[in-house]
């Protein structure tokens, strides 16, 4: 979530932002997978 224009930033913070976004996406995907697995388990019961 970059709230100000990228051109105002030096290169490194942008890389950090991108990494943070990727990590967030990864953890969201993991959470979704876990939720789906839990739903499947609940339906089996």
N, C-alpha and C. Protein backbone atom coordinates (compact mmCIF):
# COMPACT_ATOMS: atom_id res chain seq x y z
N UNK A 1 0.85 -1.18 0.00
CA UNK A 1 0.00 0.00 0.00
C UNK A 1 0.89 1.24 0.00
N UNK A 2 1.20 1.73 -1.18
CA UNK A 2 2.04 2.93 -1.28
C UNK A 2 1.10 4.12 -1.43
N UNK A 3 1.13 5.01 -0.45
CA UNK A 3 0.17 6.11 -0.42
C UNK A 3 0.70 7.36 -1.11
N UNK A 4 2.01 7.37 -1.44
CA UNK A 4 2.56 8.52 -2.15
C UNK A 4 3.30 8.03 -3.38
N UNK A 5 3.47 8.92 -4.38
CA UNK A 5 4.05 8.52 -5.66
C UNK A 5 5.41 7.84 -5.49
N UNK A 6 5.62 6.78 -6.25
CA UNK A 6 6.85 6.00 -6.17
C UNK A 6 8.04 6.86 -6.55
N UNK A 7 7.84 7.81 -7.46
CA UNK A 7 8.95 8.62 -7.96
C UNK A 7 9.61 9.43 -6.84
N UNK A 8 8.87 9.69 -5.76
CA UNK A 8 9.43 10.46 -4.65
C UNK A 8 10.32 9.60 -3.75
N UNK A 9 10.27 8.29 -3.94
CA UNK A 9 11.01 7.40 -3.07
C UNK A 9 12.33 6.99 -3.71
N UNK A 10 13.37 6.82 -2.90
CA UNK A 10 14.54 6.10 -3.39
C UNK A 10 14.19 4.63 -3.61
N UNK A 11 15.04 3.90 -4.30
CA UNK A 11 14.70 2.53 -4.72
C UNK A 11 14.42 1.56 -3.59
N UNK A 12 15.15 1.67 -2.49
CA UNK A 12 15.08 0.64 -1.46
C UNK A 12 13.72 0.54 -0.78
N UNK A 13 13.13 1.64 -0.32
CA UNK A 13 11.81 1.53 0.31
C UNK A 13 10.78 0.87 -0.60
N UNK A 14 10.89 1.13 -1.90
CA UNK A 14 9.94 0.52 -2.84
C UNK A 14 10.10 -0.99 -2.79
N UNK A 15 11.36 -1.45 -2.81
CA UNK A 15 11.61 -2.90 -2.75
C UNK A 15 11.03 -3.47 -1.46
N UNK A 16 11.21 -2.75 -0.36
CA UNK A 16 10.68 -3.20 0.93
C UNK A 16 9.15 -3.28 0.86
N UNK A 17 8.53 -2.23 0.28
CA UNK A 17 7.08 -2.22 0.15
C UNK A 17 6.61 -3.43 -0.65
N UNK A 18 7.28 -3.67 -1.78
CA UNK A 18 6.88 -4.79 -2.65
C UNK A 18 7.01 -6.10 -1.90
N UNK A 19 8.11 -6.25 -1.17
CA UNK A 19 8.32 -7.48 -0.39
C UNK A 19 7.21 -7.65 0.64
N UNK A 20 6.89 -6.55 1.33
CA UNK A 20 5.82 -6.61 2.34
C UNK A 20 4.51 -7.01 1.70
N UNK A 21 4.20 -6.45 0.54
CA UNK A 21 2.96 -6.79 -0.15
C UNK A 21 2.94 -8.27 -0.50
N UNK A 22 4.07 -8.77 -1.02
CA UNK A 22 4.14 -10.18 -1.40
C UNK A 22 3.95 -11.06 -0.18
N UNK A 23 4.59 -10.69 0.93
CA UNK A 23 4.45 -11.48 2.16
C UNK A 23 3.00 -11.47 2.61
N UNK A 24 2.36 -10.29 2.50
CA UNK A 24 0.97 -10.19 2.93
C UNK A 24 0.10 -11.10 2.07
N UNK A 25 0.33 -11.06 0.76
CA UNK A 25 -0.45 -11.90 -0.15
C UNK A 25 -0.24 -13.37 0.18
N UNK A 26 1.02 -13.74 0.42
CA UNK A 26 1.34 -15.13 0.75
C UNK A 26 0.61 -15.56 2.01
N UNK A 27 0.66 -14.73 3.04
CA UNK A 27 0.02 -15.11 4.30
C UNK A 27 -1.49 -15.15 4.15
N UNK A 28 -2.04 -14.26 3.31
CA UNK A 28 -3.48 -14.30 3.04
C UNK A 28 -3.86 -15.61 2.37
N UNK A 29 -3.07 -15.99 1.36
CA UNK A 29 -3.34 -17.25 0.66
C UNK A 29 -3.27 -18.42 1.62
N UNK A 30 -2.26 -18.41 2.50
CA UNK A 30 -2.13 -19.48 3.49
C UNK A 30 -3.36 -19.52 4.39
N UNK A 31 -3.79 -18.35 4.84
CA UNK A 31 -4.96 -18.27 5.71
C UNK A 31 -6.19 -18.82 4.99
N UNK A 32 -6.35 -18.46 3.72
CA UNK A 32 -7.49 -18.94 2.95
C UNK A 32 -7.46 -20.46 2.83
N UNK A 33 -6.26 -20.99 2.56
CA UNK A 33 -6.12 -22.44 2.44
C UNK A 33 -6.50 -23.12 3.74
N UNK A 34 -6.02 -22.57 4.86
CA UNK A 34 -6.35 -23.14 6.17
C UNK A 34 -7.85 -23.09 6.40
N UNK A 35 -8.47 -21.95 6.08
CA UNK A 35 -9.92 -21.83 6.25
C UNK A 35 -10.66 -22.88 5.44
N UNK A 36 -10.21 -23.09 4.19
CA UNK A 36 -10.86 -24.06 3.32
C UNK A 36 -10.72 -25.46 3.91
N UNK A 37 -9.52 -25.77 4.41
CA UNK A 37 -9.28 -27.08 5.02
C UNK A 37 -10.18 -27.28 6.23
N UNK A 38 -10.33 -26.22 7.04
CA UNK A 38 -11.18 -26.30 8.22
C UNK A 38 -12.62 -26.56 7.82
N UNK A 39 -13.09 -25.86 6.78
CA UNK A 39 -14.46 -26.07 6.31
C UNK A 39 -14.65 -27.51 5.88
N UNK A 40 -13.67 -28.02 5.14
CA UNK A 40 -13.75 -29.41 4.67
C UNK A 40 -13.83 -30.36 5.86
N UNK A 41 -13.00 -30.12 6.86
CA UNK A 41 -13.01 -30.97 8.06
C UNK A 41 -14.37 -30.90 8.75
N UNK A 42 -14.92 -29.69 8.84
CA UNK A 42 -16.21 -29.52 9.52
C UNK A 42 -17.32 -30.26 8.77
N UNK A 43 -17.24 -30.24 7.43
CA UNK A 43 -18.28 -30.90 6.66
C UNK A 43 -18.22 -32.41 6.83
N UNK A 44 -17.01 -32.94 7.06
CA UNK A 44 -16.86 -34.39 7.26
C UNK A 44 -17.51 -34.83 8.57
N UNK A 45 -17.50 -33.95 9.56
CA UNK A 45 -18.02 -34.32 10.88
C UNK A 45 -19.54 -34.53 10.85
